[in-house]
Amino acid sequence: SNKELEYFLAVYGGNKAILEQVVASHQMRLGAMQAQFDEGYNIAFASLMGEAIGKKPTRDEARGIIMSSNKSLADLFKRITEMEAAKVYEEGRLRLYTQCWSTVSRIVALRTKGIE
């Protein structure tokens, strides 16, 4: 019935709003973590290059040295990777709810239009 479809619209709309907030929260946390990582990495990179005597390491070698010698940066990078995965997962759920909401909304619109 139309009432049931309207109920589903309300439920899907509410869930969609919650998922939008979750995705936005992940994006905010991910941005903050990435900024923190970039700052720490840049400091470590400058320090490593400043201390290098003779031939300086390449960027890839420097990254390996920094990540293997700086546990906090390595842990932060791992958390960033996990947060990116969680964000992608929630974005997929959001697309699913958006599609369901759109489908039910179209059905309600067609039924309502048919009644009038």
C-alpha atoms as a PDB file:
ATOM      1  CA  SER A   1       0.000   0.000   0.000  1.00  0.00           C
ATOM      2  CA  ASN A   2       0.996   3.629  -0.298  1.00  0.00           C
ATOM      3  CA  LYS A   3       1.218   3.980   3.485  1.00  0.00           C
ATOM      4  CA  GLU A   4       3.699   1.105   3.659  1.00  0.00           C
ATOM      5  CA  LEU A   5       5.762   2.640   0.878  1.00  0.00           C
ATOM      6  CA  GLU A   6       5.711   5.995   2.657  1.00  0.00           C
ATOM      7  CA  TYR A   7       6.928   4.221   5.798  1.00  0.00           C
ATOM      8  CA  PHE A   8       9.771   2.622   3.844  1.00  0.00           C
ATOM      9  CA  LEU A   9      10.670   6.042   2.441  1.00  0.00           C
ATOM     10  CA  ALA A  10      10.906   7.425   5.952  1.00  0.00           C
ATOM     11  CA  VAL A  11      13.038   4.496   7.128  1.00  0.00           C
ATOM     12  CA  TYR A  12      15.345   4.602   4.106  1.00  0.00           C
ATOM     13  CA  GLY A  13      15.572   8.385   4.305  1.00  0.00           C
ATOM     14  CA  GLY A  14      16.539   8.197   7.972  1.00  0.00           C
ATOM     15  CA  ASN A  15      19.114   5.484   7.355  1.00  0.00           C
ATOM     16  CA  LYS A  16      20.488   7.431   4.398  1.00  0.00           C
ATOM     17  CA  ALA A  17      20.928  10.512   6.589  1.00  0.00           C
ATOM     18  CA  ILE A  18      22.754   8.462   9.217  1.00  0.00           C
ATOM     19  CA  LEU A  19      25.044   6.946   6.589  1.00  0.00           C
ATOM     20  CA  GLU A  20      25.756  10.402   5.145  1.00  0.00           C
ATOM     21  CA  GLN A  21      26.840  11.498   8.618  1.00  0.00           C
ATOM     22  CA  VAL A  22      29.024   8.388   9.039  1.00  0.00           C
ATOM     23  CA  VAL A  23      30.729   8.977   5.672  1.00  0.00           C
ATOM     24  CA  ALA A  24      31.282  12.654   6.505  1.00  0.00           C
ATOM     25  CA  SER A  25      32.735  11.666   9.883  1.00  0.00           C
ATOM     26  CA  HIS A  26      35.120   9.209   8.205  1.00  0.00           C
ATOM     27  CA  GLN A  27      36.174  11.879   5.704  1.00  0.00           C
ATOM     28  CA  MET A  28      36.830  14.357   8.502  1.00  0.00           C
ATOM     29  CA  ARG A  29      38.868  11.881  10.559  1.00  0.00           C
ATOM     30  CA  LEU A  30      40.731  10.693   7.482  1.00  0.00           C
ATOM     31  CA  GLY A  31      41.637  14.269   6.544  1.00  0.00           C
ATOM     32  CA  ALA A  32      42.907  15.015  10.045  1.00  0.00           C
ATOM     33  CA  MET A  33      44.920  11.796  10.187  1.00  0.00           C
ATOM     34  CA  GLN A  34      46.383  12.417   6.723  1.00  0.00           C
ATOM     35  CA  ALA A  35      47.427  15.952   7.696  1.00  0.00           C
ATOM     36  CA  GLN A  36      49.055  14.634  10.860  1.00  0.00           C
ATOM     37  CA  PHE A  37      50.878  11.928   8.899  1.00  0.00           C
ATOM     38  CA  ASP A  38      52.051  14.360   6.204  1.00  0.00           C
ATOM     39  CA  GLU A  39      53.417  16.772   8.796  1.00  0.00           C
ATOM     40  CA  GLY A  40      55.250  14.037  10.712  1.00  0.00           C
ATOM     41  CA  TYR A  41      56.595  12.488   7.535  1.00  0.00           C
ATOM     42  CA  ASN A  42      57.817  15.826   6.160  1.00  0.00           C
ATOM     43  CA  ILE A  43      59.647  16.554   9.422  1.00  0.00           C
ATOM     44  CA  ALA A  44      61.247  13.101   9.425  1.00  0.00           C
ATOM     45  CA  PHE A  45      62.159  13.408   5.742  1.00  0.00           C
ATOM     46  CA  ALA A  46      63.822  16.800   6.232  1.00  0.00           C
ATOM     47  CA  SER A  47      65.708  15.494   9.253  1.00  0.00           C
ATOM     48  CA  LEU A  48      66.884  12.382   7.401  1.00  0.00           C
ATOM     49  CA  MET A  49      68.068  14.379   4.395  1.00  0.00           C
ATOM     50  CA  GLY A  50      69.780  16.918   6.643  1.00  0.00           C
ATOM     51  CA  GLU A  51      71.672  14.186   8.470  1.00  0.00           C
ATOM     52  CA  ALA A  52      72.680  12.312   5.315  1.00  0.00           C
ATOM     53  CA  ILE A  53      76.401  12.344   4.626  1.00  0.00           C
ATOM     54  CA  GLY A  54      77.610  11.732   1.111  1.00  0.00           C
ATOM     55  CA  LYS A  55      75.066  10.198  -1.238  1.00  0.00           C
ATOM     56  CA  LYS A  56      71.552  11.006  -0.074  1.00  0.00           C
ATOM     57  CA  PRO A  57      68.893   8.276  -0.156  1.00  0.00           C
ATOM     58  CA  THR A  58      66.295   8.326  -2.931  1.00  0.00           C
ATOM     59  CA  ARG A  59      62.713   9.248  -2.008  1.00  0.00           C
ATOM     60  CA  ASP A  60      61.733   5.561  -1.895  1.00  0.00           C
ATOM     61  CA  GLU A  61      64.754   4.656   0.224  1.00  0.00           C
ATOM     62  CA  ALA A  62      64.033   7.600   2.525  1.00  0.00           C
ATOM     63  CA  ARG A  63      60.409   6.463   2.899  1.00  0.00           C
ATOM     64  CA  GLY A  64      61.557   2.956   3.839  1.00  0.00           C
ATOM     65  CA  ILE A  65      64.022   4.307   6.376  1.00  0.00           C
ATOM     66  CA  ILE A  66      61.447   6.665   7.887  1.00  0.00           C
ATOM     67  CA  MET A  67      58.656   4.095   8.083  1.00  0.00           C
ATOM     68  CA  SER A  68      60.910   1.380   9.537  1.00  0.00           C
ATOM     69  CA  SER A  69      62.467   3.678  12.140  1.00  0.00           C
ATOM     70  CA  ASN A  70      59.376   5.661  13.164  1.00  0.00           C
ATOM     71  CA  LYS A  71      56.789   3.348  14.731  1.00  0.00           C
ATOM     72  CA  SER A  72      54.259   6.122  15.368  1.00  0.00           C
ATOM     73  CA  LEU A  73      54.227   7.138  11.685  1.00  0.00           C
ATOM     74  CA  ALA A  74      53.945   3.496  10.607  1.00  0.00           C
ATOM     75  CA  ASP A  75      51.026   2.978  13.009  1.00  0.00           C
ATOM     76  CA  LEU A  76      49.351   6.173  11.818  1.00  0.00           C
ATOM     77  CA  PHE A  77      49.735   5.065   8.196  1.00  0.00           C
ATOM     78  CA  LYS A  78      48.119   1.726   9.090  1.00  0.00           C
ATOM     79  CA  ARG A  79      45.203   3.526  10.773  1.00  0.00           C
ATOM     80  CA  ILE A  80      44.803   5.776   7.712  1.00  0.00           C
ATOM     81  CA  THR A  81      44.618   2.700   5.477  1.00  0.00           C
ATOM     82  CA  GLU A  82      42.020   1.098   7.747  1.00  0.00           C
ATOM     83  CA  MET A  83      40.000   4.342   7.847  1.00  0.00           C
ATOM     84  CA  GLU A  84      40.070   4.573   4.051  1.00  0.00           C
ATOM     85  CA  ALA A  85      38.723   1.012   3.842  1.00  0.00           C
ATOM     86  CA  ALA A  86      35.958   1.800   6.345  1.00  0.00           C
ATOM     87  CA  LYS A  87      35.054   4.959   4.401  1.00  0.00           C
ATOM     88  CA  VAL A  88      34.824   3.039   1.116  1.00  0.00           C
ATOM     89  CA  TYR A  89      32.621   0.423   2.807  1.00  0.00           C
ATOM     90  CA  GLU A  90      30.265   3.063   4.229  1.00  0.00           C
ATOM     91  CA  GLU A  91      30.145   4.883   0.879  1.00  0.00           C
ATOM     92  CA  GLY A  92      29.004   1.607  -0.698  1.00  0.00           C
ATOM     93  CA  ARG A  93      26.278   1.230   1.914  1.00  0.00           C
ATOM     94  CA  LEU A  94      25.236   4.827   1.300  1.00  0.00           C
ATOM     95  CA  ARG A  95      24.931   4.190  -2.443  1.00  0.00           C
ATOM     96  CA  LEU A  96      22.791   1.111  -1.689  1.00  0.00           C
ATOM     97  CA  TYR A  97      20.441   3.079   0.578  1.00  0.00           C
ATOM     98  CA  THR A  98      20.305   5.929  -1.918  1.00  0.00           C
ATOM     99  CA  GLN A  99      19.282   3.524  -4.675  1.00  0.00           C
ATOM    100  CA  CYS A 100      16.647   1.876  -2.471  1.00  0.00           C
ATOM    101  CA  TRP A 101      15.264   5.270  -1.427  1.00  0.00           C
ATOM    102  CA  SER A 102      15.101   6.418  -5.049  1.00  0.00           C
ATOM    103  CA  THR A 103      13.333   3.238  -6.136  1.00  0.00           C
ATOM    104  CA  VAL A 104      10.688   3.384  -3.407  1.00  0.00           C
ATOM    105  CA  SER A 105      10.261   7.118  -3.994  1.00  0.00           C
ATOM    106  CA  ARG A 106       9.566   6.541  -7.693  1.00  0.00           C
ATOM    107  CA  ILE A 107       7.009   3.846  -6.851  1.00  0.00           C
ATOM    108  CA  VAL A 108       5.222   6.169  -4.418  1.00  0.00           C
ATOM    109  CA  ALA A 109       5.243   8.966  -6.999  1.00  0.00           C
ATOM    110  CA  LEU A 110       3.803   6.687  -9.672  1.00  0.00           C
ATOM    111  CA  ARG A 111       1.097   5.348  -7.383  1.00  0.00           C
ATOM    112  CA  THR A 112       0.218   8.802  -6.088  1.00  0.00           C
ATOM    113  CA  LYS A 113       0.046  10.201  -9.588  1.00  0.00           C
ATOM    114  CA  GLY A 114      -2.141   7.303 -10.655  1.00  0.00           C
ATOM    115  CA  ILE A 115      -4.598   8.049  -7.826  1.00  0.00           C
ATOM    116  CA  GLU A 116      -5.009  11.724  -8.666  1.00  0.00           C
END
